[in-house]
Structures are given as structure tokens and as C-alpha cells.
Amino acid sequence: MIRKYFVTGLLILVPLAITLWVVNLIIGTMDQSLLLLPARWRPEVLFGFAIPGLGTILTLLIIFFTGLATRNFVGNHVVIWWERLLTRIPVVNSIYSSVKQVSDTLLSSSGNAFRKAVLVEYPRRGSWTIAFLTGVPGGDVRNHLTGDFISIYVPTTPNPTSGFFLMVPRNETIELDMTVDAALKYIVSMGVVAPEHFEKKIIIDPAKVVS
């Protein structure tokens, strides 16, 4: 009986503790934006104590007004000039270009990354895992692949931020009828939180039914 109560308590407190830890980590990181302010304008100097979350508000405002400023003609040209400057700096050029391509793919509303969850045999035949469609092979890679290949990302469990990038034949994957969010929950929970079951509906054409 004691073990039962202990396990019940863990099931309630562990998700709560992890959620609070992640939220605290995010807020703590975003609060670092206060370091951009002059020392005399920081809450520790103005009020005599730190105000948690104030840096988060400042970060969100910076992101919002940056997006707002770059939507007009002048702001757009400033961004173009800034990117041209960065592309002329060695090392910085390769890092910035790579990060920008990834962020444009993931965050852009027109991007196609992580839009579909697929089932693939990995890491061996007969062993299946969930992966995410990221696109198709490009560049010189395409010249060395025969057939219809797709690019997929196979996340690790329970940390989906690390994983493996694979290029596999399209006919060796199975497109799943589940959202990316549901697939991520399934992966992070190590299969404990199973997605809802979708039964395929068979549509019968009355015209083909022979009475």
C-alpha cells in the first residue's frame, strides 16, 4: 500500500517538477536580455531587487518590434544590408548561413520540415521507429542516389532534440495518420502516451454494389 501511494505521488509530482524546471530554464535564459540595458536601468538598481520574468517580457518585445520593423521597406533593406555584411566575414558566414537555412525551414509558414510523421525500419530490419519527413536529398547527393529518396530525421528518446539524419527510399517508409505533436509525445513518453487510434473508413460506392 505504501509503495502504491509513493508511485502515485511520483506520477503527480514528476511531470509538475519537470514542467516547472523547463519553464524556469526558459525564463531564466530570456531574463539575460536585461544585461543589454545600462546598469543604472536594471531592476536591481532601480528597485533594489531582481524581478523574475521582466527580461522575458523585454525579450518578447524585442522579437516583436524586430519583426514589425523589418516588415516595412526600410527595415527590409536594413536586413538585406546586414546579411550581406555577415556573408563577407569568414567563419561567421558559414555559421550564419547554416543557422538561417535551418530556421527558415523550421519557422517559416511556407516550410515543409517536420510536417509529416513516418514509420521506418531502424536501426535494423524488423525494428520500427517514428521519424519525421524533412524534405528530399539535394545537391550532389541526389546524383549518387538511384530512385525516389526522402530525407528523414529520427529523434532519440526521451530527448527528441538529438537524433539521426537519414536518406531512405520513399517506398521503405509508411506515412502515419497522426500529427507531429502526437508523434513527439509518443516518442518523448517512450511509447507510454499512445496517440489516438484512427480506424480507416471504408467507403463503399453504391453504384458498384450489385443487388
Protein backbone atom coordinates (compact mmCIF):
# COMPACT_ATOMS: atom_id res chain seq x y z
CA MET A 1 0.00 0.00 0.00
CA ILE A 2 2.84 2.41 0.84
CA ARG A 3 4.50 1.68 -2.50
CA LYS A 4 1.23 2.41 -4.30
CA TYR A 5 0.91 5.83 -2.64
CA PHE A 6 4.57 6.57 -3.36
CA VAL A 7 4.21 5.75 -7.06
CA THR A 8 1.00 7.83 -7.25
CA GLY A 9 2.84 10.77 -5.71
CA LEU A 10 5.67 10.42 -8.24
CA LEU A 11 3.24 10.33 -11.15
CA ILE A 12 1.77 13.63 -9.96
CA LEU A 13 4.92 15.47 -8.88
CA VAL A 14 7.46 14.38 -11.51
CA PRO A 15 5.64 15.94 -14.51
CA LEU A 16 4.97 19.07 -12.45
CA ALA A 17 8.61 19.34 -11.34
CA ILE A 18 9.94 18.85 -14.87
CA THR A 19 7.47 21.40 -16.26
CA LEU A 20 8.49 23.97 -13.64
CA TRP A 21 12.17 23.25 -14.30
CA VAL A 22 11.78 23.77 -18.06
CA VAL A 23 9.73 26.96 -17.58
CA ASN A 24 12.28 28.28 -15.09
CA LEU A 25 15.12 27.47 -17.51
CA ILE A 26 13.38 29.29 -20.36
CA ILE A 27 12.51 32.34 -18.25
CA GLY A 28 15.99 32.42 -16.72
CA THR A 29 17.57 32.35 -20.18
CA MET A 30 15.29 35.05 -21.55
CA ASP A 31 15.90 37.20 -18.47
CA GLN A 32 19.51 37.52 -19.61
CA SER A 33 18.30 40.15 -22.06
CA LEU A 34 18.31 42.59 -19.13
CA LEU A 35 22.10 42.61 -19.46
CA LEU A 36 21.58 44.62 -22.66
CA LEU A 37 20.29 47.52 -20.56
CA PRO A 38 22.65 50.04 -18.95
CA ALA A 39 23.45 49.09 -15.35
CA ARG A 40 21.51 52.04 -13.93
CA TRP A 41 18.31 50.91 -15.70
CA ARG A 42 18.31 47.37 -14.36
CA PRO A 43 15.73 46.35 -11.70
CA GLU A 44 18.44 45.61 -9.12
CA VAL A 45 19.49 49.27 -9.22
CA LEU A 46 16.09 50.89 -9.72
CA PHE A 47 14.12 48.83 -7.20
CA GLY A 48 16.83 47.20 -5.14
CA PHE A 49 15.81 43.65 -6.10
CA ALA A 50 15.51 41.45 -9.19
CA ILE A 51 12.12 40.94 -10.86
CA PRO A 52 11.85 37.44 -12.39
CA GLY A 53 10.20 37.43 -15.80
CA LEU A 54 10.94 41.08 -16.60
CA GLY A 55 13.69 40.03 -19.00
CA THR A 56 11.26 37.61 -20.64
CA ILE A 57 8.88 40.48 -21.37
CA LEU A 58 11.79 42.52 -22.74
CA THR A 59 12.88 39.62 -24.97
CA LEU A 60 9.37 39.17 -26.37
CA LEU A 61 9.13 42.91 -27.05
CA ILE A 62 12.49 42.88 -28.83
CA ILE A 63 11.36 39.95 -31.00
CA PHE A 64 8.00 41.59 -31.77
CA PHE A 65 9.39 45.01 -32.66
CA THR A 66 12.21 43.45 -34.71
CA GLY A 67 9.62 41.61 -36.79
CA LEU A 68 7.48 44.74 -37.01
CA ALA A 69 10.40 46.92 -38.11
CA THR A 70 11.58 44.52 -40.80
CA ARG A 71 8.14 44.29 -42.43
CA ASN A 72 8.43 47.75 -43.98
CA PHE A 73 10.55 48.89 -46.92
CA VAL A 74 13.36 50.48 -44.90
CA GLY A 75 13.62 47.65 -42.40
CA ASN A 76 13.71 45.05 -45.16
CA HIS A 77 16.64 46.82 -46.83
CA VAL A 78 18.47 47.05 -43.49
CA VAL A 79 18.14 43.28 -43.08
CA ILE A 80 19.45 42.72 -46.63
CA TRP A 81 22.42 45.01 -45.95
CA TRP A 82 23.09 43.27 -42.62
CA GLU A 83 23.04 39.81 -44.21
CA ARG A 84 25.38 40.91 -46.97
CA LEU A 85 27.79 42.19 -44.31
CA LEU A 86 27.71 38.90 -42.41
CA THR A 87 28.28 36.85 -45.56
CA ARG A 88 31.61 38.63 -46.08
CA ILE A 89 33.00 37.67 -42.68
CA PRO A 90 34.92 34.35 -42.68
CA VAL A 91 33.63 31.65 -40.29
CA VAL A 92 30.67 33.86 -39.35
CA ASN A 93 29.40 33.45 -42.91
CA SER A 94 29.19 29.63 -42.74
CA ILE A 95 27.63 29.60 -39.25
CA TYR A 96 25.05 32.30 -40.01
CA SER A 97 24.08 30.82 -43.38
CA SER A 98 23.58 27.34 -41.92
CA VAL A 99 21.55 28.55 -38.95
CA LYS A 100 19.43 30.82 -41.17
CA GLN A 101 18.61 28.00 -43.59
CA VAL A 102 17.52 25.74 -40.74
CA SER A 103 15.47 28.45 -39.01
CA ASP A 104 13.81 29.50 -42.27
CA THR A 105 12.85 25.88 -42.91
CA LEU A 106 11.55 25.19 -39.42
CA LEU A 107 9.89 28.52 -38.58
CA SER A 108 8.66 29.75 -41.93
CA SER A 109 4.97 29.22 -42.58
CA SER A 110 5.88 28.03 -46.07
CA GLY A 111 8.41 25.49 -44.84
CA ASN A 112 7.78 21.76 -45.12
CA ALA A 113 10.02 20.47 -42.33
CA PHE A 114 8.51 18.24 -39.69
CA ARG A 115 5.11 18.33 -41.35
CA LYS A 116 4.67 14.55 -41.54
CA ALA A 117 5.42 11.63 -39.26
CA VAL A 118 6.52 8.40 -40.90
CA LEU A 119 7.29 4.86 -39.82
CA VAL A 120 10.68 3.48 -40.84
CA GLU A 121 12.67 0.33 -40.14
CA TYR A 122 15.55 1.49 -37.94
CA PRO A 123 18.16 0.63 -36.72
CA ARG A 124 17.69 -2.83 -38.27
CA ARG A 125 15.19 -4.81 -40.31
CA GLY A 126 12.14 -5.79 -38.31
CA SER A 127 12.63 -2.92 -35.82
CA TRP A 128 10.41 0.10 -36.46
CA THR A 129 10.57 3.65 -35.18
CA ILE A 130 8.90 7.01 -35.80
CA ALA A 131 10.70 9.61 -37.89
CA PHE A 132 9.83 12.99 -39.39
CA LEU A 133 9.92 13.93 -43.05
CA THR A 134 12.29 16.86 -43.61
CA GLY A 135 12.49 17.00 -47.39
CA VAL A 136 14.31 15.34 -50.27
CA PRO A 137 18.06 14.91 -50.90
CA GLY A 138 19.63 17.78 -52.81
CA GLY A 139 22.91 18.91 -54.29
CA ASP A 140 25.44 16.34 -55.43
CA VAL A 141 23.89 13.79 -53.05
CA ARG A 142 20.96 13.43 -55.45
CA ASN A 143 23.33 12.39 -58.24
CA HIS A 144 24.52 9.36 -56.28
CA LEU A 145 21.09 8.04 -55.26
CA THR A 146 19.01 5.93 -57.60
CA GLY A 147 15.27 6.05 -57.16
CA ASP A 148 12.85 8.13 -55.13
CA PHE A 149 14.53 9.04 -51.83
CA ILE A 150 13.35 11.23 -48.97
CA SER A 151 15.20 12.86 -46.07
CA ILE A 152 14.03 11.98 -42.57
CA TYR A 153 15.00 12.85 -39.03
CA VAL A 154 14.96 10.01 -36.49
CA PRO A 155 14.78 11.52 -32.97
CA THR A 156 16.11 9.81 -29.87
CA THR A 157 14.06 9.00 -26.78
CA PRO A 158 13.27 10.72 -24.47
CA ASN A 159 15.23 13.71 -25.85
CA PRO A 160 13.97 14.42 -29.39
CA THR A 161 16.40 17.32 -29.89
CA SER A 162 19.13 14.81 -30.73
CA GLY A 163 18.80 12.18 -33.40
CA PHE A 164 19.93 10.94 -36.79
CA PHE A 165 19.55 12.31 -40.30
CA LEU A 166 18.85 9.59 -42.87
CA MET A 167 18.08 9.42 -46.58
CA VAL A 168 15.93 6.39 -47.37
CA PRO A 169 13.79 5.16 -50.28
CA ARG A 170 10.29 6.57 -50.05
CA ASN A 171 8.72 3.13 -50.52
CA GLU A 172 10.51 1.89 -47.38
CA THR A 173 8.60 4.32 -45.17
CA ILE A 174 4.98 4.41 -44.11
CA GLU A 175 3.23 7.77 -43.74
CA LEU A 176 1.37 7.89 -40.44
CA ASP A 177 -2.09 9.32 -39.89
CA MET A 178 -1.07 11.34 -36.82
CA THR A 179 0.03 14.89 -36.14
CA VAL A 180 3.64 15.82 -35.47
CA ASP A 181 2.70 16.84 -31.92
CA ALA A 182 1.13 13.46 -31.23
CA ALA A 183 4.18 11.69 -32.65
CA LEU A 184 6.52 13.79 -30.47
CA LYS A 185 4.50 12.96 -27.35
CA TYR A 186 4.67 9.30 -28.28
CA ILE A 187 8.46 9.48 -28.65
CA VAL A 188 9.15 11.57 -25.52
CA SER A 189 6.96 9.30 -23.36
CA MET A 190 8.83 6.22 -24.68
CA GLY A 191 5.56 4.84 -26.01
CA VAL A 192 3.61 5.30 -22.79
CA VAL A 193 1.39 8.10 -24.12
CA ALA A 194 -0.02 6.43 -27.20
CA PRO A 195 -1.78 8.58 -29.82
CA GLU A 196 -5.47 8.12 -30.52
CA HIS A 197 -6.29 5.19 -32.76
CA PHE A 198 -7.57 6.12 -36.19
CA GLU A 199 -9.53 3.45 -37.96
CA LYS A 200 -9.51 3.67 -41.72
CA LYS A 201 -13.04 4.09 -43.01
CA ILE A 202 -14.02 2.00 -45.99
CA ILE A 203 -16.18 3.98 -48.36
CA ILE A 204 -18.50 1.85 -50.47
CA ASP A 205 -19.67 3.21 -53.77
CA PRO A 206 -23.42 2.37 -54.07
CA ALA A 207 -23.08 2.24 -57.82
CA LYS A 208 -20.70 -0.71 -57.52
CA VAL A 209 -22.92 -2.65 -55.19
CA VAL A 210 -24.69 -5.41 -57.04
CA SER A 211 -28.08 -6.16 -55.58
